[in-house]
Amino acid sequence: MPDTKYGFHFEPLEADVDQIVQRFLDNLKFNMGKDEFSATPFDCYTAFSQTISDYLVDRWTAYQQSQYAVDAKRVYYLSLEFLIGRSLSNAMLNLELIEPSIKALGKLGFNLSQLEDLEWDAGLGNGGLGRLAACFLDSMASLGIPAYGYGIRYEYGIFMQHIKDGFQIETPDN
């Protein structure tokens, strides 16, 4: 049902435990080329993240169609950096998929916190400005305001800085 202020209202996703399990197994097999015997814990994290991403794409596509249908204006937010933190838990929370995901992972022999611990922080900035930019985008998303965040693609994102012979040397900081 349309929301009078922003043009779209999201109903909770229809995602049952068995559907999450099947999407996970499909991602593990078709995207990772793995099965339960060859998959590493990180492969399973990746397959589960892709499963949640599948639901994000479903929601994103529906939202984009609704916005194009009403010729909605969009906010384009430019920042030199975005410090968004870990995305998996945030995506599950926003999609209302935490409980079915916990049950699905239990059926697969996993604990959600085990997989969440494998996610690296997205190193797309180094602090205040990046965190502020991420908060603005989160707020706009929560309010249903169509927005895009644009930034600079760093080679390393957050990096370790070393001074050698008076010059800065950057190395990755995972």
Protein backbone atom coordinates (compact mmCIF):
# COMPACT_ATOMS: atom_id res chain seq x y z
CA MET A 1 0.00 0.00 0.00
CA PRO A 2 1.48 3.42 -0.93
CA ASP A 3 2.71 5.70 1.80
CA THR A 4 1.28 9.19 1.34
CA LYS A 5 4.52 10.99 2.20
CA TYR A 6 7.14 9.08 0.21
CA GLY A 7 5.12 6.97 -2.22
CA PHE A 8 5.92 3.46 -1.00
CA HIS A 9 5.25 1.31 2.03
CA PHE A 10 7.08 -1.96 2.65
CA GLU A 11 5.25 -4.97 3.93
CA PRO A 12 7.38 -7.46 5.87
CA LEU A 13 9.10 -9.88 3.53
CA GLU A 14 7.58 -13.27 3.02
CA ALA A 15 10.63 -15.30 3.94
CA ASP A 16 10.17 -18.58 5.66
CA VAL A 17 12.93 -20.66 7.17
CA ASP A 18 12.91 -23.26 4.39
CA GLN A 19 13.20 -20.54 1.73
CA ILE A 20 16.25 -19.05 3.47
CA VAL A 21 17.81 -22.51 3.73
CA GLN A 22 17.22 -23.17 0.02
CA ARG A 23 18.59 -19.78 -1.05
CA PHE A 24 21.66 -20.40 1.12
CA LEU A 25 22.26 -23.84 -0.43
CA ASP A 26 21.74 -22.42 -3.93
CA ASN A 27 24.24 -19.61 -3.27
CA LEU A 28 26.73 -22.05 -1.79
CA LYS A 29 26.46 -24.33 -4.83
CA PHE A 30 25.91 -21.97 -7.74
CA ASN A 31 27.80 -18.85 -6.62
CA MET A 32 30.54 -20.43 -4.51
CA GLY A 33 30.88 -23.77 -6.31
CA LYS A 34 30.90 -25.54 -2.95
CA ASP A 35 28.97 -28.16 -1.03
CA GLU A 36 28.75 -28.97 2.67
CA PHE A 37 31.96 -31.03 2.44
CA SER A 38 34.19 -28.47 0.72
CA ALA A 39 32.85 -25.17 2.10
CA THR A 40 34.99 -23.26 4.58
CA PRO A 41 33.35 -21.18 7.32
CA PHE A 42 34.09 -18.07 5.23
CA ASP A 43 32.42 -19.68 2.20
CA CYS A 44 29.33 -20.23 4.36
CA TYR A 45 29.44 -16.62 5.58
CA THR A 46 29.68 -15.47 1.95
CA ALA A 47 26.81 -17.69 0.83
CA PHE A 48 24.65 -16.48 3.72
CA SER A 49 25.52 -12.83 2.98
CA GLN A 50 24.52 -13.40 -0.63
CA THR A 51 21.27 -14.93 0.59
CA ILE A 52 20.46 -11.78 2.57
CA SER A 53 21.60 -9.73 -0.42
CA ASP A 54 19.04 -11.59 -2.54
CA TYR A 55 16.30 -10.28 -0.26
CA LEU A 56 17.78 -6.76 -0.45
CA VAL A 57 17.70 -6.94 -4.24
CA ASP A 58 14.04 -8.05 -4.13
CA ARG A 59 13.20 -5.04 -1.94
CA TRP A 60 15.43 -2.65 -3.92
CA THR A 61 13.85 -3.59 -7.23
CA ALA A 62 10.32 -3.08 -5.91
CA TYR A 63 11.31 0.26 -4.38
CA GLN A 64 13.00 1.52 -7.54
CA GLN A 65 9.96 0.61 -9.62
CA SER A 66 7.71 2.51 -7.23
CA GLN A 67 9.93 5.59 -7.37
CA TYR A 68 10.18 5.61 -11.16
CA ALA A 69 6.40 5.18 -11.41
CA VAL A 70 5.83 8.47 -9.55
CA ASP A 71 8.88 10.25 -11.04
CA ALA A 72 10.24 10.83 -7.53
CA LYS A 73 13.13 13.15 -6.88
CA ARG A 74 16.24 11.67 -5.30
CA VAL A 75 18.92 12.91 -2.95
CA TYR A 76 22.49 12.41 -4.12
CA TYR A 77 24.84 12.58 -1.13
CA LEU A 78 28.53 13.13 -1.85
CA SER A 79 31.09 12.36 0.83
CA LEU A 80 34.78 11.63 0.67
CA GLU A 81 34.19 8.58 2.85
CA PHE A 82 31.51 6.34 4.32
CA LEU A 83 32.17 4.38 7.49
CA ILE A 84 29.20 2.03 7.32
CA GLY A 85 30.42 -0.70 9.61
CA ARG A 86 29.30 -4.28 9.21
CA SER A 87 26.33 -4.74 6.92
CA LEU A 88 24.98 -8.26 7.49
CA SER A 89 23.25 -7.69 10.84
CA ASN A 90 21.99 -4.28 9.77
CA ALA A 91 20.48 -5.73 6.58
CA MET A 92 18.78 -8.58 8.46
CA LEU A 93 17.35 -6.14 11.01
CA ASN A 94 16.01 -3.78 8.35
CA LEU A 95 14.52 -6.66 6.36
CA GLU A 96 12.99 -8.18 9.50
CA LEU A 97 14.84 -11.43 8.80
CA ILE A 98 16.69 -12.00 12.08
CA GLU A 99 14.38 -14.63 13.57
CA PRO A 100 13.87 -16.70 10.39
CA SER A 101 17.62 -16.45 9.68
CA ILE A 102 18.53 -17.75 13.13
CA LYS A 103 16.18 -20.70 12.63
CA ALA A 104 17.43 -21.38 9.08
CA LEU A 105 21.06 -21.27 10.15
CA GLY A 106 20.23 -23.60 13.04
CA LYS A 107 18.84 -26.11 10.53
CA LEU A 108 22.10 -25.80 8.60
CA GLY A 109 24.21 -26.31 11.73
CA PHE A 110 25.36 -22.71 12.13
CA ASN A 111 25.08 -20.05 14.76
CA LEU A 112 24.38 -16.52 13.45
CA SER A 113 27.04 -14.95 15.67
CA GLN A 114 29.67 -17.33 14.22
CA LEU A 115 28.97 -16.04 10.72
CA GLU A 116 28.64 -12.40 11.81
CA ASP A 117 32.12 -12.59 13.35
CA LEU A 118 33.59 -13.40 9.93
CA GLU A 119 32.48 -10.07 8.41
CA TRP A 120 35.13 -7.39 8.11
CA ASP A 121 34.27 -3.76 8.70
CA ALA A 122 33.97 -1.93 5.40
CA GLY A 123 37.02 0.33 5.50
CA LEU A 124 35.72 3.23 3.45
CA GLY A 125 36.90 6.06 5.66
CA ASN A 126 38.67 6.73 8.89
CA GLY A 127 36.23 8.20 11.35
CA GLY A 128 33.94 11.11 11.99
CA LEU A 129 33.09 12.30 8.48
CA GLY A 130 32.58 8.76 7.25
CA ARG A 131 30.40 7.81 10.22
CA LEU A 132 28.34 10.99 9.82
CA ALA A 133 27.80 10.27 6.12
CA ALA A 134 26.69 6.71 6.91
CA CYS A 135 24.26 8.03 9.55
CA PHE A 136 22.75 10.45 7.04
CA LEU A 137 22.17 7.59 4.59
CA ASP A 138 20.71 5.38 7.34
CA SER A 139 18.36 8.19 8.36
CA MET A 140 17.20 8.80 4.81
CA ALA A 141 16.62 5.07 4.34
CA SER A 142 14.63 4.89 7.58
CA LEU A 143 12.48 7.80 6.45
CA GLY A 144 11.96 6.29 3.00
CA ILE A 145 13.72 9.15 1.23
CA PRO A 146 15.21 7.96 -2.07
CA ALA A 147 18.94 8.63 -1.78
CA TYR A 148 22.26 7.53 -3.21
CA GLY A 149 25.65 7.90 -1.56
CA TYR A 150 28.63 8.73 -3.74
CA GLY A 151 32.23 8.74 -2.62
CA ILE A 152 35.78 8.08 -3.65
CA ARG A 153 36.93 4.56 -4.39
CA TYR A 154 40.04 4.09 -2.31
CA GLU A 155 42.54 1.48 -3.36
CA TYR A 156 42.81 0.24 0.23
CA GLY A 157 40.02 2.04 2.12
CA ILE A 158 41.29 2.48 5.66
CA PHE A 159 45.03 2.05 5.51
CA MET A 160 48.03 1.87 7.76
CA GLN A 161 50.25 4.91 7.38
CA HIS A 162 54.01 4.63 7.61
CA ILE A 163 56.55 7.39 7.11
CA LYS A 164 59.70 6.25 5.34
CA ASP A 165 62.42 8.69 4.32
CA GLY A 166 59.97 11.55 4.85
CA PHE A 167 57.25 10.10 2.60
CA GLN A 168 53.93 8.52 3.47
CA ILE A 169 53.61 4.84 2.58
CA GLU A 170 50.15 3.23 2.72
CA THR A 171 49.51 -0.45 3.34
CA PRO A 172 46.14 -2.21 3.66
CA ASP A 173 44.53 -2.45 7.11
CA ASN A 174 42.06 -5.30 7.06
